[in-house]
Amino acid sequence: MAVAVLSDIHGVLPALDAVLAEPDVQGCERIVLTGDIAAGPQPAQVLDRLTSLGERVVWVRGNCERELVDLARDPGRTVPFAISRYAADQLSPEHVALLDSLPHPVTLDVEGFGPVLFCHGTPRDDNEIVLVDTRLERWAEAFADVPEDVGTVVCGHTHMPFVRLVDRRLVVNAGSVGMSYGSLGADWVLLDDGAVTVRSTRYDVEAARAAIRATCDYPDIDEWTDEYLNARNSDADALAVFGPGDGRAG
């Protein structure tokens, strides 16, 4: 059973469609979504595309799913990121119910890996930050309740792909489909026959920006798509911002 892992799509339909068109994704028995699926410029379109794929898709809740549900149910509530307010206002009651039903974490048996745990931030907290250089003590805390037979954990949340060992357990971050930091393209991961491959799908950014502009009336959409589809934030920038969130000193 080959599995494609797509994380942090953030409502960017052209990036999602580019990844779904990959032959290796089309050939997968499962597509696992590790959270932050719809919080972006095309939330309803992204959710509709994914639900059309039926039972091939395994959904995992991210922190933005919780946020969008709360915003959709409280029209007067504001958040620091205005695009989340915009996204929540685009959702139908069916979309809200779907997001509200999502589990976290999810464990699947994957051929060549055994039990694999899929989460957003960490297994214990969909909003917890762990990074490629997070200290082992923090990882041990985050994995304290993970069953011993789970040898692989796949996460998202910080938009930067990596693969590393954590005390004999393989940890994979699938990066971000819609808001990658550090490099152009839609990042995703393939789990196939015991091997992990970090992939990046290139697509026409300017065509994608035009397509989003045509379907989205968010007032700052051009600035948003320029920043995130053109990966204006480097991995070094992102690590500097996220680093204190993993409890490191200094």
C-alpha atoms as a PDB file:
ATOM      1  CA  MET A   1       0.000   0.000   0.000  1.00  0.00           C
ATOM      2  CA  ALA A   2       1.689   3.188  -1.175  1.00  0.00           C
ATOM      3  CA  VAL A   3       0.623   6.322   0.692  1.00  0.00           C
ATOM      4  CA  ALA A   4       0.927   9.948  -0.394  1.00  0.00           C
ATOM      5  CA  VAL A   5       0.986  12.460   2.448  1.00  0.00           C
ATOM      6  CA  LEU A   6      -0.244  15.982   1.736  1.00  0.00           C
ATOM      7  CA  SER A   7      -0.034  18.559   4.494  1.00  0.00           C
ATOM      8  CA  ASP A   8      -0.867  22.221   4.925  1.00  0.00           C
ATOM      9  CA  ILE A   9      -2.719  22.716   1.644  1.00  0.00           C
ATOM     10  CA  HIS A  10      -4.124  25.953   3.063  1.00  0.00           C
ATOM     11  CA  GLY A  11      -6.882  26.334   0.510  1.00  0.00           C
ATOM     12  CA  VAL A  12      -4.624  26.575  -2.553  1.00  0.00           C
ATOM     13  CA  LEU A  13      -6.441  24.576  -5.224  1.00  0.00           C
ATOM     14  CA  PRO A  14      -3.897  24.905  -8.095  1.00  0.00           C
ATOM     15  CA  ALA A  15      -1.116  23.514  -5.892  1.00  0.00           C
ATOM     16  CA  LEU A  16      -3.355  20.679  -4.737  1.00  0.00           C
ATOM     17  CA  ASP A  17      -4.380  19.827  -8.284  1.00  0.00           C
ATOM     18  CA  ALA A  18      -0.735  19.783  -9.375  1.00  0.00           C
ATOM     19  CA  VAL A  19       0.083  17.215  -6.690  1.00  0.00           C
ATOM     20  CA  LEU A  20      -3.028  15.118  -7.379  1.00  0.00           C
ATOM     21  CA  ALA A  21      -1.964  14.943 -11.044  1.00  0.00           C
ATOM     22  CA  GLU A  22       1.356  13.302 -10.120  1.00  0.00           C
ATOM     23  CA  PRO A  23       1.390   9.690 -11.398  1.00  0.00           C
ATOM     24  CA  ASP A  24       2.730   8.450  -8.070  1.00  0.00           C
ATOM     25  CA  VAL A  25      -0.149  10.105  -6.235  1.00  0.00           C
ATOM     26  CA  GLN A  26      -2.693   8.764  -8.687  1.00  0.00           C
ATOM     27  CA  GLY A  27      -1.290   5.300  -8.081  1.00  0.00           C
ATOM     28  CA  CYS A  28      -1.512   5.473  -4.288  1.00  0.00           C
ATOM     29  CA  GLU A  29      -4.103   3.478  -2.436  1.00  0.00           C
ATOM     30  CA  ARG A  30      -4.314   6.157   0.251  1.00  0.00           C
ATOM     31  CA  ILE A  31      -3.839   9.925   0.342  1.00  0.00           C
ATOM     32  CA  VAL A  32      -3.363  11.126   3.907  1.00  0.00           C
ATOM     33  CA  LEU A  33      -4.017  14.784   4.711  1.00  0.00           C
ATOM     34  CA  THR A  34      -2.133  15.868   7.817  1.00  0.00           C
ATOM     35  CA  GLY A  35      -4.099  19.000   8.622  1.00  0.00           C
ATOM     36  CA  ASP A  36      -4.481  22.698   7.782  1.00  0.00           C
ATOM     37  CA  ILE A  37      -6.384  21.778   4.664  1.00  0.00           C
ATOM     38  CA  ALA A  38      -8.716  24.684   3.965  1.00  0.00           C
ATOM     39  CA  ALA A  39      -7.492  27.817   5.743  1.00  0.00           C
ATOM     40  CA  GLY A  40      -6.638  29.896   2.683  1.00  0.00           C
ATOM     41  CA  PRO A  41      -8.108  31.536  -0.413  1.00  0.00           C
ATOM     42  CA  GLN A  42     -10.094  28.596  -1.891  1.00  0.00           C
ATOM     43  CA  PRO A  43     -11.354  26.600   1.081  1.00  0.00           C
ATOM     44  CA  ALA A  44     -14.621  25.290  -0.352  1.00  0.00           C
ATOM     45  CA  GLN A  45     -13.037  24.329  -3.685  1.00  0.00           C
ATOM     46  CA  VAL A  46     -10.250  22.415  -1.948  1.00  0.00           C
ATOM     47  CA  LEU A  47     -12.639  20.553   0.346  1.00  0.00           C
ATOM     48  CA  ASP A  48     -14.913  19.667  -2.572  1.00  0.00           C
ATOM     49  CA  ARG A  49     -11.990  18.378  -4.630  1.00  0.00           C
ATOM     50  CA  LEU A  50     -10.783  16.174  -1.795  1.00  0.00           C
ATOM     51  CA  THR A  51     -14.185  14.800  -0.850  1.00  0.00           C
ATOM     52  CA  SER A  52     -14.702  13.839  -4.501  1.00  0.00           C
ATOM     53  CA  LEU A  53     -11.840  11.350  -4.096  1.00  0.00           C
ATOM     54  CA  GLY A  54     -13.903   9.315  -1.662  1.00  0.00           C
ATOM     55  CA  GLU A  55     -12.441   6.733   0.677  1.00  0.00           C
ATOM     56  CA  ARG A  56      -8.911   6.997  -0.751  1.00  0.00           C
ATOM     57  CA  VAL A  57      -8.503  10.102   1.390  1.00  0.00           C
ATOM     58  CA  VAL A  58      -7.669   9.838   5.083  1.00  0.00           C
ATOM     59  CA  TRP A  59      -8.310  13.096   6.910  1.00  0.00           C
ATOM     60  CA  VAL A  60      -6.356  14.279   9.962  1.00  0.00           C
ATOM     61  CA  ARG A  61      -7.275  17.421  11.889  1.00  0.00           C
ATOM     62  CA  GLY A  62      -4.907  20.376  12.088  1.00  0.00           C
ATOM     63  CA  ASN A  63      -5.087  23.414  14.332  1.00  0.00           C
ATOM     64  CA  CYS A  64      -6.622  25.423  11.484  1.00  0.00           C
ATOM     65  CA  GLU A  65      -9.535  22.994  11.202  1.00  0.00           C
ATOM     66  CA  ARG A  66     -10.452  23.754  14.821  1.00  0.00           C
ATOM     67  CA  GLU A  67     -10.019  27.452  14.175  1.00  0.00           C
ATOM     68  CA  LEU A  68     -12.192  27.475  11.047  1.00  0.00           C
ATOM     69  CA  VAL A  69     -14.992  25.622  12.833  1.00  0.00           C
ATOM     70  CA  ASP A  70     -14.928  28.122  15.697  1.00  0.00           C
ATOM     71  CA  LEU A  71     -14.885  31.073  13.290  1.00  0.00           C
ATOM     72  CA  ALA A  72     -17.710  29.681  11.159  1.00  0.00           C
ATOM     73  CA  ARG A  73     -19.867  29.318  14.260  1.00  0.00           C
ATOM     74  CA  ASP A  74     -19.004  32.779  15.581  1.00  0.00           C
ATOM     75  CA  PRO A  75     -19.214  35.359  12.744  1.00  0.00           C
ATOM     76  CA  GLY A  76     -18.108  38.169  15.046  1.00  0.00           C
ATOM     77  CA  ARG A  77     -14.888  36.520  16.129  1.00  0.00           C
ATOM     78  CA  THR A  78     -11.603  37.849  14.758  1.00  0.00           C
ATOM     79  CA  VAL A  79      -8.191  36.211  14.411  1.00  0.00           C
ATOM     80  CA  PRO A  80      -4.641  37.476  13.745  1.00  0.00           C
ATOM     81  CA  PHE A  81      -4.670  36.051  10.209  1.00  0.00           C
ATOM     82  CA  ALA A  82      -7.498  37.692   8.302  1.00  0.00           C
ATOM     83  CA  ILE A  83      -7.512  35.025   5.592  1.00  0.00           C
ATOM     84  CA  SER A  84      -8.757  32.504   8.168  1.00  0.00           C
ATOM     85  CA  ARG A  85     -11.776  34.713   8.809  1.00  0.00           C
ATOM     86  CA  TYR A  86     -12.320  34.911   5.056  1.00  0.00           C
ATOM     87  CA  ALA A  87     -12.008  31.132   4.653  1.00  0.00           C
ATOM     88  CA  ALA A  88     -14.468  30.401   7.444  1.00  0.00           C
ATOM     89  CA  ASP A  89     -17.050  32.659   5.802  1.00  0.00           C
ATOM     90  CA  GLN A  90     -16.852  30.601   2.577  1.00  0.00           C
ATOM     91  CA  LEU A  91     -17.721  27.275   4.202  1.00  0.00           C
ATOM     92  CA  SER A  92     -21.085  25.582   3.929  1.00  0.00           C
ATOM     93  CA  PRO A  93     -22.660  23.863   6.956  1.00  0.00           C
ATOM     94  CA  GLU A  94     -21.568  20.562   5.406  1.00  0.00           C
ATOM     95  CA  HIS A  95     -17.975  21.762   5.200  1.00  0.00           C
ATOM     96  CA  VAL A  96     -18.051  22.876   8.828  1.00  0.00           C
ATOM     97  CA  ALA A  97     -19.470  19.529   9.937  1.00  0.00           C
ATOM     98  CA  LEU A  98     -16.741  17.706   8.020  1.00  0.00           C
ATOM     99  CA  LEU A  99     -13.953  19.737   9.594  1.00  0.00           C
ATOM    100  CA  ASP A 100     -15.501  19.362  13.040  1.00  0.00           C
ATOM    101  CA  SER A 101     -15.515  15.571  12.691  1.00  0.00           C
ATOM    102  CA  LEU A 102     -11.839  15.108  11.835  1.00  0.00           C
ATOM    103  CA  PRO A 103      -9.687  12.958  14.144  1.00  0.00           C
ATOM    104  CA  HIS A 104      -6.193  13.619  15.477  1.00  0.00           C
ATOM    105  CA  PRO A 105      -3.956  11.641  15.353  1.00  0.00           C
ATOM    106  CA  VAL A 106      -4.626   8.722  12.982  1.00  0.00           C
ATOM    107  CA  THR A 107      -2.661   5.450  12.804  1.00  0.00           C
ATOM    108  CA  LEU A 108      -2.578   3.255   9.686  1.00  0.00           C
ATOM    109  CA  ASP A 109      -0.744   0.067   8.848  1.00  0.00           C
ATOM    110  CA  VAL A 110       1.444   0.869   5.836  1.00  0.00           C
ATOM    111  CA  GLU A 111       3.230  -1.857   3.916  1.00  0.00           C
ATOM    112  CA  GLY A 112       6.947  -1.770   4.628  1.00  0.00           C
ATOM    113  CA  PHE A 113       6.503   0.411   7.718  1.00  0.00           C
ATOM    114  CA  GLY A 114       4.008  -1.265  10.020  1.00  0.00           C
ATOM    115  CA  PRO A 115       1.905   1.107  12.115  1.00  0.00           C
ATOM    116  CA  VAL A 116       2.434   4.711  11.044  1.00  0.00           C
ATOM    117  CA  LEU A 117       1.053   7.565  13.131  1.00  0.00           C
ATOM    118  CA  PHE A 118      -0.107  10.630  11.193  1.00  0.00           C
ATOM    119  CA  CYS A 119      -0.555  13.911  13.047  1.00  0.00           C
ATOM    120  CA  HIS A 120      -0.368  17.642  12.475  1.00  0.00           C
ATOM    121  CA  GLY A 121       1.904  19.200  15.100  1.00  0.00           C
ATOM    122  CA  THR A 122       2.743  16.248  17.335  1.00  0.00           C
ATOM    123  CA  PRO A 123       0.751  13.177  18.368  1.00  0.00           C
ATOM    124  CA  ARG A 124      -0.357  14.878  21.579  1.00  0.00           C
ATOM    125  CA  ASP A 125      -1.114  18.378  20.269  1.00  0.00           C
ATOM    126  CA  ASP A 126      -2.063  19.534  16.769  1.00  0.00           C
ATOM    127  CA  ASN A 127      -0.530  22.960  17.459  1.00  0.00           C
ATOM    128  CA  GLU A 128       2.765  21.873  19.035  1.00  0.00           C
ATOM    129  CA  ILE A 129       5.974  22.923  17.272  1.00  0.00           C
ATOM    130  CA  VAL A 130       8.797  20.467  16.649  1.00  0.00           C
ATOM    131  CA  LEU A 131      11.520  21.115  14.115  1.00  0.00           C
ATOM    132  CA  VAL A 132      14.319  19.230  12.410  1.00  0.00           C
ATOM    133  CA  ASP A 133      16.745  20.441  15.090  1.00  0.00           C
ATOM    134  CA  THR A 134      14.446  20.129  18.107  1.00  0.00           C
ATOM    135  CA  ARG A 135      16.242  18.543  21.053  1.00  0.00           C
ATOM    136  CA  LEU A 136      15.620  14.880  21.848  1.00  0.00           C
ATOM    137  CA  GLU A 137      14.136  15.656  25.257  1.00  0.00           C
ATOM    138  CA  ARG A 138      11.317  17.611  23.651  1.00  0.00           C
ATOM    139  CA  TRP A 139      10.675  14.814  21.157  1.00  0.00           C
ATOM    140  CA  ALA A 140      10.538  12.306  24.019  1.00  0.00           C
ATOM    141  CA  GLU A 141       7.894  14.418  25.749  1.00  0.00           C
ATOM    142  CA  ALA A 142       5.837  14.734  22.565  1.00  0.00           C
ATOM    143  CA  PHE A 143       6.030  10.971  21.900  1.00  0.00           C
ATOM    144  CA  ALA A 144       5.473   9.813  25.479  1.00  0.00           C
ATOM    145  CA  ASP A 145       2.086   8.252  24.730  1.00  0.00           C
ATOM    146  CA  VAL A 146       2.893   6.828  21.290  1.00  0.00           C
ATOM    147  CA  PRO A 147       2.705   3.007  21.306  1.00  0.00           C
ATOM    148  CA  GLU A 148       6.061   1.276  21.077  1.00  0.00           C
ATOM    149  CA  ASP A 149       5.108  -0.573  17.894  1.00  0.00           C
ATOM    150  CA  VAL A 150       4.739   2.726  16.003  1.00  0.00           C
ATOM    151  CA  GLY A 151       8.091   3.115  14.295  1.00  0.00           C
ATOM    152  CA  THR A 152       7.186   6.039  12.016  1.00  0.00           C
ATOM    153  CA  VAL A 153       5.477   9.357  12.763  1.00  0.00           C
ATOM    154  CA  VAL A 154       4.446  11.697   9.939  1.00  0.00           C
ATOM    155  CA  CYS A 155       3.548  15.288  10.756  1.00  0.00           C
ATOM    156  CA  GLY A 156       3.151  18.747   9.198  1.00  0.00           C
ATOM    157  CA  HIS A 157       2.381  22.167  10.730  1.00  0.00           C
ATOM    158  CA  THR A 158       5.706  23.966  10.190  1.00  0.00           C
ATOM    159  CA  HIS A 159       5.691  23.906   6.347  1.00  0.00           C
ATOM    160  CA  MET A 160       9.273  22.596   6.021  1.00  0.00           C
ATOM    161  CA  PRO A 161       9.872  18.969   4.976  1.00  0.00           C
ATOM    162  CA  PHE A 162      12.399  16.814   6.779  1.00  0.00           C
ATOM    163  CA  VAL A 163      13.229  13.222   7.638  1.00  0.00           C
ATOM    164  CA  ARG A 164      15.128  12.379  10.818  1.00  0.00           C
ATOM    165  CA  LEU A 165      15.557   9.695  13.451  1.00  0.00           C
ATOM    166  CA  VAL A 166      14.336  10.318  16.980  1.00  0.00           C
ATOM    167  CA  ASP A 167      15.665   7.611  19.294  1.00  0.00           C
ATOM    168  CA  ARG A 168      15.229   4.891  16.627  1.00  0.00           C
ATOM    169  CA  ARG A 169      11.825   6.180  15.499  1.00  0.00           C
ATOM    170  CA  LEU A 170      11.584   7.698  12.016  1.00  0.00           C
ATOM    171  CA  VAL A 171       9.981  11.144  11.932  1.00  0.00           C
ATOM    172  CA  VAL A 172       8.832  12.703   8.664  1.00  0.00           C
ATOM    173  CA  ASN A 173       7.496  16.186   8.082  1.00  0.00           C
ATOM    174  CA  ALA A 174       5.552  16.370   4.811  1.00  0.00           C
ATOM    175  CA  GLY A 175       6.110  20.103   4.344  1.00  0.00           C
ATOM    176  CA  SER A 176       3.336  22.168   2.774  1.00  0.00           C
ATOM    177  CA  VAL A 177       1.404  21.901  -0.459  1.00  0.00           C
ATOM    178  CA  GLY A 178       0.117  25.467  -0.480  1.00  0.00           C
ATOM    179  CA  MET A 179       2.484  27.551   1.675  1.00  0.00           C
ATOM    180  CA  SER A 180       5.983  26.091   1.439  1.00  0.00           C
ATOM    181  CA  TYR A 181       8.849  27.800   3.217  1.00  0.00           C
ATOM    182  CA  GLY A 182      12.291  27.756   1.659  1.00  0.00           C
ATOM    183  CA  SER A 183      11.628  26.479  -1.860  1.00  0.00           C
ATOM    184  CA  LEU A 184       9.188  26.847  -4.719  1.00  0.00           C
ATOM    185  CA  GLY A 185       6.679  24.099  -5.380  1.00  0.00           C
ATOM    186  CA  ALA A 186       4.118  21.989  -3.557  1.00  0.00           C
ATOM    187  CA  ASP A 187       5.821  19.693  -1.058  1.00  0.00           C
ATOM    188  CA  TRP A 188       4.516  16.217  -0.214  1.00  0.00           C
ATOM    189  CA  VAL A 189       5.797  12.815   0.843  1.00  0.00           C
ATOM    190  CA  LEU A 190       5.516   9.313  -0.617  1.00  0.00           C
ATOM    191  CA  LEU A 191       5.636   6.226   1.608  1.00  0.00           C
ATOM    192  CA  ASP A 192       6.196   3.196  -0.588  1.00  0.00           C
ATOM    193  CA  ASP A 193       7.567  -0.261   0.236  1.00  0.00           C
ATOM    194  CA  GLY A 194       9.447   0.929   3.303  1.00  0.00           C
ATOM    195  CA  ALA A 195      10.992   3.973   1.631  1.00  0.00           C
ATOM    196  CA  VAL A 196      10.270   7.642   2.334  1.00  0.00           C
ATOM    197  CA  THR A 197      10.605  10.076  -0.550  1.00  0.00           C
ATOM    198  CA  VAL A 198      10.246  13.821  -0.054  1.00  0.00           C
ATOM    199  CA  ARG A 199       8.780  15.277  -3.224  1.00  0.00           C
ATOM    200  CA  SER A 200       8.170  18.763  -4.568  1.00  0.00           C
ATOM    201  CA  THR A 201       5.783  19.363  -7.449  1.00  0.00           C
ATOM    202  CA  ARG A 202       6.476  22.461  -9.515  1.00  0.00           C
ATOM    203  CA  TYR A 203       3.572  24.309 -11.098  1.00  0.00           C
ATOM    204  CA  ASP A 204       3.007  27.595 -12.923  1.00  0.00           C
ATOM    205  CA  VAL A 205       2.859  30.082 -10.061  1.00  0.00           C
ATOM    206  CA  GLU A 206       1.598  33.028 -12.084  1.00  0.00           C
ATOM    207  CA  ALA A 207      -1.153  30.941 -13.664  1.00  0.00           C
ATOM    208  CA  ALA A 208      -2.074  29.698 -10.206  1.00  0.00           C
ATOM    209  CA  ARG A 209      -2.194  33.244  -8.838  1.00  0.00           C
ATOM    210  CA  ALA A 210      -4.485  34.291 -11.695  1.00  0.00           C
ATOM    211  CA  ALA A 211      -6.773  31.310 -11.096  1.00  0.00           C
ATOM    212  CA  ILE A 212      -7.012  32.123  -7.401  1.00  0.00           C
ATOM    213  CA  ARG A 213      -7.636  35.799  -8.122  1.00  0.00           C
ATOM    214  CA  ALA A 214     -10.540  34.828 -10.390  1.00  0.00           C
ATOM    215  CA  THR A 215     -12.301  32.857  -7.655  1.00  0.00           C
ATOM    216  CA  CYS A 216     -11.373  34.766  -4.504  1.00  0.00           C
ATOM    217  CA  ASP A 217     -12.417  38.235  -3.376  1.00  0.00           C
ATOM    218  CA  TYR A 218     -10.164  38.383  -0.332  1.00  0.00           C
ATOM    219  CA  PRO A 219      -8.937  42.000  -0.451  1.00  0.00           C
ATOM    220  CA  ASP A 220      -5.207  41.241  -0.156  1.00  0.00           C
ATOM    221  CA  ILE A 221      -5.172  38.153  -2.351  1.00  0.00           C
ATOM    222  CA  ASP A 222      -2.373  39.327  -4.661  1.00  0.00           C
ATOM    223  CA  GLU A 223      -0.070  40.021  -1.720  1.00  0.00           C
ATOM    224  CA  TRP A 224      -0.988  36.701  -0.097  1.00  0.00           C
ATOM    225  CA  THR A 225      -0.356  34.617  -3.200  1.00  0.00           C
ATOM    226  CA  ASP A 226       2.875  36.446  -3.963  1.00  0.00           C
ATOM    227  CA  GLU A 227       4.220  35.766  -0.477  1.00  0.00           C
ATOM    228  CA  TYR A 228       3.241  32.125  -0.217  1.00  0.00           C
ATOM    229  CA  LEU A 229       3.164  30.732  -3.750  1.00  0.00           C
ATOM    230  CA  ASN A 230       6.501  32.399  -4.497  1.00  0.00           C
ATOM    231  CA  ALA A 231       7.925  31.133  -1.179  1.00  0.00           C
ATOM    232  CA  ARG A 232       9.139  34.554  -0.101  1.00  0.00           C
ATOM    233  CA  ASN A 233       9.807  33.143   3.396  1.00  0.00           C
ATOM    234  CA  SER A 234      13.004  31.118   3.547  1.00  0.00           C
ATOM    235  CA  ASP A 235      13.529  28.096   5.753  1.00  0.00           C
ATOM    236  CA  ALA A 236      15.992  30.173   7.793  1.00  0.00           C
ATOM    237  CA  ASP A 237      13.308  32.835   8.306  1.00  0.00           C
ATOM    238  CA  ALA A 238      10.777  30.209   9.364  1.00  0.00           C
ATOM    239  CA  LEU A 239      13.160  28.462  11.757  1.00  0.00           C
ATOM    240  CA  ALA A 240      13.972  31.780  13.403  1.00  0.00           C
ATOM    241  CA  VAL A 241      10.268  32.440  13.987  1.00  0.00           C
ATOM    242  CA  PHE A 242       9.275  28.910  15.003  1.00  0.00           C
ATOM    243  CA  GLY A 243      12.410  28.035  16.987  1.00  0.00           C
ATOM    244  CA  PRO A 244      11.332  29.519  20.342  1.00  0.00           C
ATOM    245  CA  GLY A 245       8.074  27.563  20.053  1.00  0.00           C
ATOM    246  CA  ASP A 246       9.788  24.241  20.698  1.00  0.00           C
ATOM    247  CA  GLY A 247      11.012  25.366  24.113  1.00  0.00           C
ATOM    248  CA  ARG A 248      14.671  25.767  23.183  1.00  0.00           C
ATOM    249  CA  ALA A 249      16.796  28.102  25.249  1.00  0.00           C
ATOM    250  CA  GLY A 250      17.938  31.343  23.657  1.00  0.00           C
END
